[in-house]
Amino acid sequence: MTLPLYLGLPMWANQDWLGTLYPRHAKTELLSDYAAVFSSVEGNTTFYSGAPKPETVAAWARQAPDYFRFCFKLPAMVTHDQRLTRLDDAWAFLNALAPLHSRLGPTMVQLPRDFGPSELPRLEALLAQWPAHLPCAVEVRHPDFYLKGNAEKALNRLLITYSANRVMLDVRPVFSTPANGHLGLAHAQQEKPKLPLHVLSTADKPVIRFIGHIDKTINTGYFMPWIDRLILWIKQGKTPFLFVHTADNRESPEMARSLYHAVQQQFPLPALGSFASDQQSQLF
């Protein structure tokens, strides 16, 4: 089953969500509870730790329903340390995920901030050999790819040629105000690249990473234009993936649900499951 819109968070294991998304004394394996609400997830852990062990992949396959989509990140060893010069490691990573291949959304290739136009041939070598049955998404962070000049045109042509999705990183909310002493917001502003938003779907699975502010009203204002765009893509037969962060991610489950409901008010989408806190409140 394919959903019209996949919704997810940057991870499924977060102790800050105990008592809201999860029961207060939830078990350590949280994926099944997460997948009862959200339909996708960013696999940030693989960016740092590399290919998971076979028993870990088997556990994920057991806990996630058929409709769920994992969007793992290619390991930093491949993208940052090797800078796409040793592609055998990329294929080994994808092979390690073989039991999940039917449940993979776009695998994300997040490139370093200094990975510029001169290295596009390396990206092309990766995309030219990428398995056709596995979707791919590329996130660039070099400023030259945001100037609407020759470098960006070359990048977009490359992505379109190989049916790779360009990740749209929307950092406008998190940079909309000074941190004013809020540690989570300050950390997010230091960690995330301050780049302009270029809305462009280069393949059939557009990926949006929406990096929210701690102020919900700010997030809502920046998200409103996305609603029409998401609906347009769905009507065109595309399958968008929306990943919602907040500055410290404590509120990201609630924010993701709120934004999904905003789209749902204008377009028929499947209902989301209940948070543990919702179910608990119904008992009283």
Protein backbone atom coordinates (compact mmCIF):
# COMPACT_ATOMS: atom_id res chain seq x y z
CA MET A 1 0.00 0.00 0.00
CA THR A 2 1.27 3.46 -0.93
CA LEU A 3 0.11 6.48 1.04
CA PRO A 4 -0.51 9.86 -0.62
CA LEU A 5 1.77 11.62 1.89
CA TYR A 6 4.34 10.12 4.23
CA LEU A 7 4.89 11.88 7.55
CA GLY A 8 7.81 11.36 9.89
CA LEU A 9 10.29 12.65 12.44
CA PRO A 10 14.11 12.63 12.51
CA MET A 11 14.16 9.48 14.68
CA TRP A 12 11.81 7.20 16.58
CA ALA A 13 13.79 6.78 19.83
CA ASN A 14 13.63 9.93 21.95
CA GLN A 15 13.22 9.89 25.72
CA ASP A 16 11.57 13.33 25.59
CA TRP A 17 8.52 11.73 23.96
CA LEU A 18 7.78 9.40 26.87
CA GLY A 19 4.43 10.43 28.31
CA THR A 20 3.22 12.06 25.09
CA LEU A 21 3.82 10.04 21.91
CA TYR A 22 4.80 7.00 23.98
CA PRO A 23 3.60 5.67 27.33
CA ARG A 24 5.51 7.14 30.25
CA HIS A 25 7.15 3.79 31.01
CA ALA A 26 7.47 2.55 27.45
CA LYS A 27 9.63 -0.38 26.45
CA THR A 28 12.98 0.21 24.78
CA GLU A 29 11.79 -1.03 21.36
CA LEU A 30 9.67 1.93 20.32
CA LEU A 31 9.44 1.49 16.56
CA SER A 32 6.11 -0.36 16.59
CA ASP A 33 4.56 2.37 18.75
CA TYR A 34 6.03 5.06 16.51
CA ALA A 35 4.75 3.37 13.35
CA ALA A 36 1.24 3.24 14.82
CA VAL A 37 1.18 7.04 14.39
CA PHE A 38 3.75 8.04 11.76
CA SER A 39 4.30 6.47 8.36
CA SER A 40 7.99 7.24 7.82
CA VAL A 41 11.19 8.19 9.62
CA GLU A 42 14.56 9.71 8.83
CA GLY A 43 17.29 7.19 9.56
CA ASN A 44 19.78 9.60 11.06
CA THR A 45 21.52 6.88 13.08
CA THR A 46 22.97 5.25 9.97
CA PHE A 47 24.65 8.54 9.03
CA TYR A 48 26.81 8.23 12.13
CA SER A 49 26.99 4.48 12.76
CA GLY A 50 26.97 3.01 9.26
CA ALA A 51 25.24 -0.18 8.18
CA PRO A 52 23.15 -1.79 10.91
CA LYS A 53 23.72 -5.39 11.99
CA PRO A 54 21.55 -8.11 10.40
CA GLU A 55 19.73 -8.76 13.68
CA THR A 56 18.93 -5.04 13.96
CA VAL A 57 17.50 -4.93 10.44
CA ALA A 58 15.46 -8.06 11.19
CA ALA A 59 14.05 -6.42 14.32
CA TRP A 60 13.08 -3.29 12.39
CA ALA A 61 11.43 -5.41 9.70
CA ARG A 62 9.46 -7.25 12.39
CA GLN A 63 8.26 -4.07 14.11
CA ALA A 64 7.34 -1.91 11.10
CA PRO A 65 4.13 -2.49 9.11
CA ASP A 66 4.18 -2.99 5.35
CA TYR A 67 3.09 0.57 4.58
CA PHE A 68 5.89 2.13 6.67
CA ARG A 69 8.84 3.74 4.87
CA PHE A 70 12.38 4.07 6.23
CA CYS A 71 14.44 6.94 4.79
CA PHE A 72 17.92 6.08 5.98
CA LYS A 73 20.90 8.34 5.40
CA LEU A 74 23.91 7.07 3.56
CA PRO A 75 26.73 6.80 6.13
CA ALA A 76 28.97 9.84 6.61
CA MET A 77 31.91 7.55 5.93
CA VAL A 78 30.70 7.37 2.32
CA THR A 79 29.56 10.95 1.83
CA HIS A 80 31.90 12.97 4.04
CA ASP A 81 35.02 10.90 4.73
CA GLN A 82 35.34 9.25 1.31
CA ARG A 83 33.41 11.96 -0.57
CA LEU A 84 31.76 9.36 -2.83
CA THR A 85 35.09 7.95 -4.03
CA ARG A 86 34.52 4.38 -2.76
CA LEU A 87 31.08 3.37 -3.95
CA ASP A 88 31.43 -0.26 -2.92
CA ASP A 89 30.75 0.91 0.62
CA ALA A 90 27.53 2.56 -0.54
CA TRP A 91 26.34 -0.67 -2.18
CA ALA A 92 27.32 -2.68 0.90
CA PHE A 93 25.15 -0.35 2.98
CA LEU A 94 22.15 -0.81 0.69
CA ASN A 95 22.69 -4.56 0.64
CA ALA A 96 22.65 -4.64 4.44
CA LEU A 97 19.14 -3.20 4.27
CA ALA A 98 17.89 -5.89 1.87
CA PRO A 99 15.18 -7.23 4.24
CA LEU A 100 13.69 -3.72 4.26
CA HIS A 101 13.94 -2.93 0.54
CA SER A 102 10.15 -3.09 0.07
CA ARG A 103 9.81 -0.55 2.89
CA LEU A 104 12.50 1.94 1.88
CA GLY A 105 11.53 5.48 1.03
CA PRO A 106 14.20 7.69 -0.52
CA THR A 107 17.61 6.90 0.92
CA MET A 108 19.16 10.29 1.63
CA VAL A 109 22.59 11.27 0.36
CA GLN A 110 23.49 14.25 2.54
CA LEU A 111 26.60 15.88 1.12
CA PRO A 112 29.16 18.01 3.00
CA ARG A 113 28.89 21.79 2.98
CA ASP A 114 32.06 22.03 0.88
CA PHE A 115 30.96 19.42 -1.67
CA GLY A 116 30.73 21.80 -4.62
CA PRO A 117 30.18 21.86 -8.38
CA SER A 118 33.61 20.42 -9.20
CA GLU A 119 32.63 17.18 -7.46
CA LEU A 120 29.35 16.64 -9.33
CA PRO A 121 30.97 13.87 -11.44
CA ARG A 122 31.33 11.87 -8.23
CA LEU A 123 27.65 12.32 -7.49
CA GLU A 124 26.81 11.30 -11.05
CA ALA A 125 28.87 8.13 -10.68
CA LEU A 126 26.82 7.25 -7.59
CA LEU A 127 23.46 8.00 -9.18
CA ALA A 128 24.31 6.23 -12.44
CA GLN A 129 24.88 2.98 -10.54
CA TRP A 130 22.10 3.44 -7.97
CA PRO A 131 19.70 0.44 -7.93
CA ALA A 132 16.67 1.37 -10.02
CA HIS A 133 14.19 -0.21 -7.57
CA LEU A 134 15.38 1.93 -4.62
CA PRO A 135 14.45 5.63 -4.46
CA CYS A 136 17.16 8.16 -3.71
CA ALA A 137 17.22 11.76 -2.47
CA VAL A 138 20.18 14.15 -2.44
CA GLU A 139 20.70 17.01 0.00
CA VAL A 140 23.31 19.58 -1.04
CA ARG A 141 24.62 22.29 1.25
CA HIS A 142 27.21 24.13 -0.84
CA PRO A 143 26.10 27.76 -1.41
CA ASP A 144 26.78 27.54 -5.16
CA PHE A 145 23.86 25.16 -5.51
CA TYR A 146 21.49 27.87 -4.25
CA LEU A 147 22.43 30.74 -6.58
CA LYS A 148 20.18 29.70 -9.49
CA GLY A 149 23.25 29.78 -11.74
CA ASN A 150 25.07 27.19 -13.82
CA ALA A 151 26.05 25.07 -10.82
CA GLU A 152 22.47 24.69 -9.63
CA LYS A 153 21.21 24.04 -13.15
CA ALA A 154 23.80 21.31 -13.59
CA LEU A 155 22.81 19.74 -10.27
CA ASN A 156 19.11 19.78 -11.08
CA ARG A 157 19.69 18.32 -14.55
CA LEU A 158 21.71 15.55 -12.99
CA LEU A 159 19.00 14.72 -10.44
CA ILE A 160 16.26 14.76 -13.07
CA THR A 161 18.31 12.56 -15.42
CA TYR A 162 18.72 9.87 -12.77
CA SER A 163 15.27 10.31 -11.14
CA ALA A 164 16.82 11.39 -7.85
CA ASN A 165 14.85 13.64 -5.53
CA ARG A 166 16.36 16.90 -4.32
CA VAL A 167 15.89 17.25 -0.56
CA MET A 168 14.25 20.56 0.28
CA LEU A 169 15.63 21.76 3.61
CA ASP A 170 13.35 24.45 5.03
CA VAL A 171 15.28 26.20 7.80
CA ARG A 172 13.36 29.48 7.59
CA PRO A 173 11.42 28.94 10.85
CA VAL A 174 14.43 28.11 13.00
CA PHE A 175 16.37 31.16 11.78
CA SER A 176 13.40 33.54 11.94
CA THR A 177 14.32 34.99 15.37
CA PRO A 178 17.43 35.25 17.56
CA ALA A 179 17.91 32.38 20.01
CA ASN A 180 17.52 34.74 22.98
CA GLY A 181 19.15 32.32 25.38
CA HIS A 182 17.12 29.26 24.38
CA LEU A 183 19.73 26.50 24.27
CA GLY A 184 17.80 24.23 21.91
CA LEU A 185 17.19 27.00 19.42
CA ALA A 186 20.79 28.21 19.66
CA HIS A 187 22.05 24.67 19.01
CA ALA A 188 19.75 24.25 16.00
CA GLN A 189 20.89 27.55 14.53
CA GLN A 190 24.51 26.52 14.96
CA GLU A 191 24.00 23.03 13.54
CA LYS A 192 21.74 23.68 10.55
CA PRO A 193 23.02 25.40 7.40
CA LYS A 194 21.38 28.76 6.76
CA LEU A 195 20.44 28.27 3.13
CA PRO A 196 17.60 29.63 1.00
CA LEU A 197 14.66 27.38 0.25
CA HIS A 198 14.38 26.26 -3.37
CA VAL A 199 11.16 24.35 -3.96
CA LEU A 200 11.74 21.91 -6.79
CA SER A 201 10.64 18.32 -7.33
CA THR A 202 13.20 16.53 -9.50
CA ALA A 203 11.63 13.06 -9.20
CA ASP A 204 8.47 11.38 -7.96
CA LYS A 205 9.15 11.36 -4.20
CA PRO A 206 9.77 14.96 -3.06
CA VAL A 207 11.45 15.15 0.35
CA ILE A 208 10.85 18.12 2.66
CA ARG A 209 12.78 18.51 5.90
CA PHE A 210 10.93 21.21 7.83
CA ILE A 211 13.08 22.55 10.69
CA GLY A 212 10.70 24.24 13.10
CA HIS A 213 11.03 26.98 15.68
CA ILE A 214 10.10 26.60 19.35
CA ASP A 215 7.21 29.02 18.66
CA LYS A 216 4.36 27.04 17.08
CA THR A 217 2.78 30.09 15.46
CA ILE A 218 6.00 30.80 13.56
CA ASN A 219 6.04 27.24 12.25
CA THR A 220 2.42 27.41 11.16
CA GLY A 221 3.02 30.61 9.21
CA TYR A 222 5.96 29.17 7.29
CA PHE A 223 4.18 25.88 6.64
CA MET A 224 0.99 27.25 5.11
CA PRO A 225 2.42 27.66 1.55
CA TRP A 226 3.58 24.05 1.68
CA ILE A 227 -0.02 22.81 1.84
CA ASP A 228 -0.89 23.79 -1.73
CA ARG A 229 2.44 22.45 -2.97
CA LEU A 230 1.97 19.07 -1.28
CA ILE A 231 -1.55 18.75 -2.63
CA LEU A 232 -0.34 19.68 -6.12
CA TRP A 233 2.35 17.00 -6.04
CA ILE A 234 -0.12 14.38 -4.82
CA LYS A 235 -2.53 15.26 -7.62
CA GLN A 236 0.36 14.93 -10.08
CA GLY A 237 0.87 11.36 -8.91
CA LYS A 238 3.93 12.08 -6.79
CA THR A 239 4.45 10.81 -3.24
CA PRO A 240 5.82 13.51 -0.91
CA PHE A 241 7.75 12.75 2.25
CA LEU A 242 7.46 15.36 5.02
CA PHE A 243 9.86 15.21 7.95
CA VAL A 244 9.25 17.60 10.83
CA HIS A 245 11.91 18.78 13.28
CA THR A 246 11.67 21.37 16.01
CA ALA A 247 14.61 23.22 17.52
CA ASP A 248 15.16 20.65 20.27
CA ASN A 249 12.79 18.00 18.86
CA ARG A 250 10.82 17.76 22.09
CA GLU A 251 7.73 19.09 20.35
CA SER A 252 8.32 17.56 16.92
CA PRO A 253 5.65 14.79 17.25
CA GLU A 254 2.93 17.28 18.15
CA MET A 255 4.10 19.76 15.52
CA ALA A 256 4.15 17.06 12.84
CA ARG A 257 0.62 16.03 13.74
CA SER A 258 -0.55 19.64 13.67
CA LEU A 259 0.93 20.28 10.22
CA TYR A 260 -0.51 17.02 8.88
CA HIS A 261 -3.96 18.02 10.12
CA ALA A 262 -3.55 21.37 8.35
CA VAL A 263 -3.05 19.51 5.05
CA GLN A 264 -5.88 17.12 5.95
CA GLN A 265 -8.31 20.02 6.22
CA GLN A 266 -7.85 20.70 2.51
CA PHE A 267 -7.18 17.23 1.11
CA PRO A 268 -8.40 13.76 2.19
CA LEU A 269 -5.54 11.96 3.92
CA PRO A 270 -5.57 8.82 6.09
CA ALA A 271 -6.12 9.45 9.79
CA LEU A 272 -3.15 9.36 12.12
CA GLY A 273 -3.06 7.04 15.10
CA SER A 274 -3.37 8.39 18.63
CA PHE A 275 -0.54 9.39 20.92
CA ALA A 276 -0.25 7.46 24.18
CA SER A 277 -1.23 10.61 26.06
CA ASP A 278 -4.46 10.83 24.04
CA GLN A 279 -5.37 7.26 24.89
CA GLN A 280 -4.59 7.83 28.55
CA SER A 281 -6.80 10.93 28.71
CA GLN A 282 -9.73 8.94 27.33
CA LEU A 283 -9.60 6.68 30.39
CA PHE A 284 -10.59 9.51 32.72
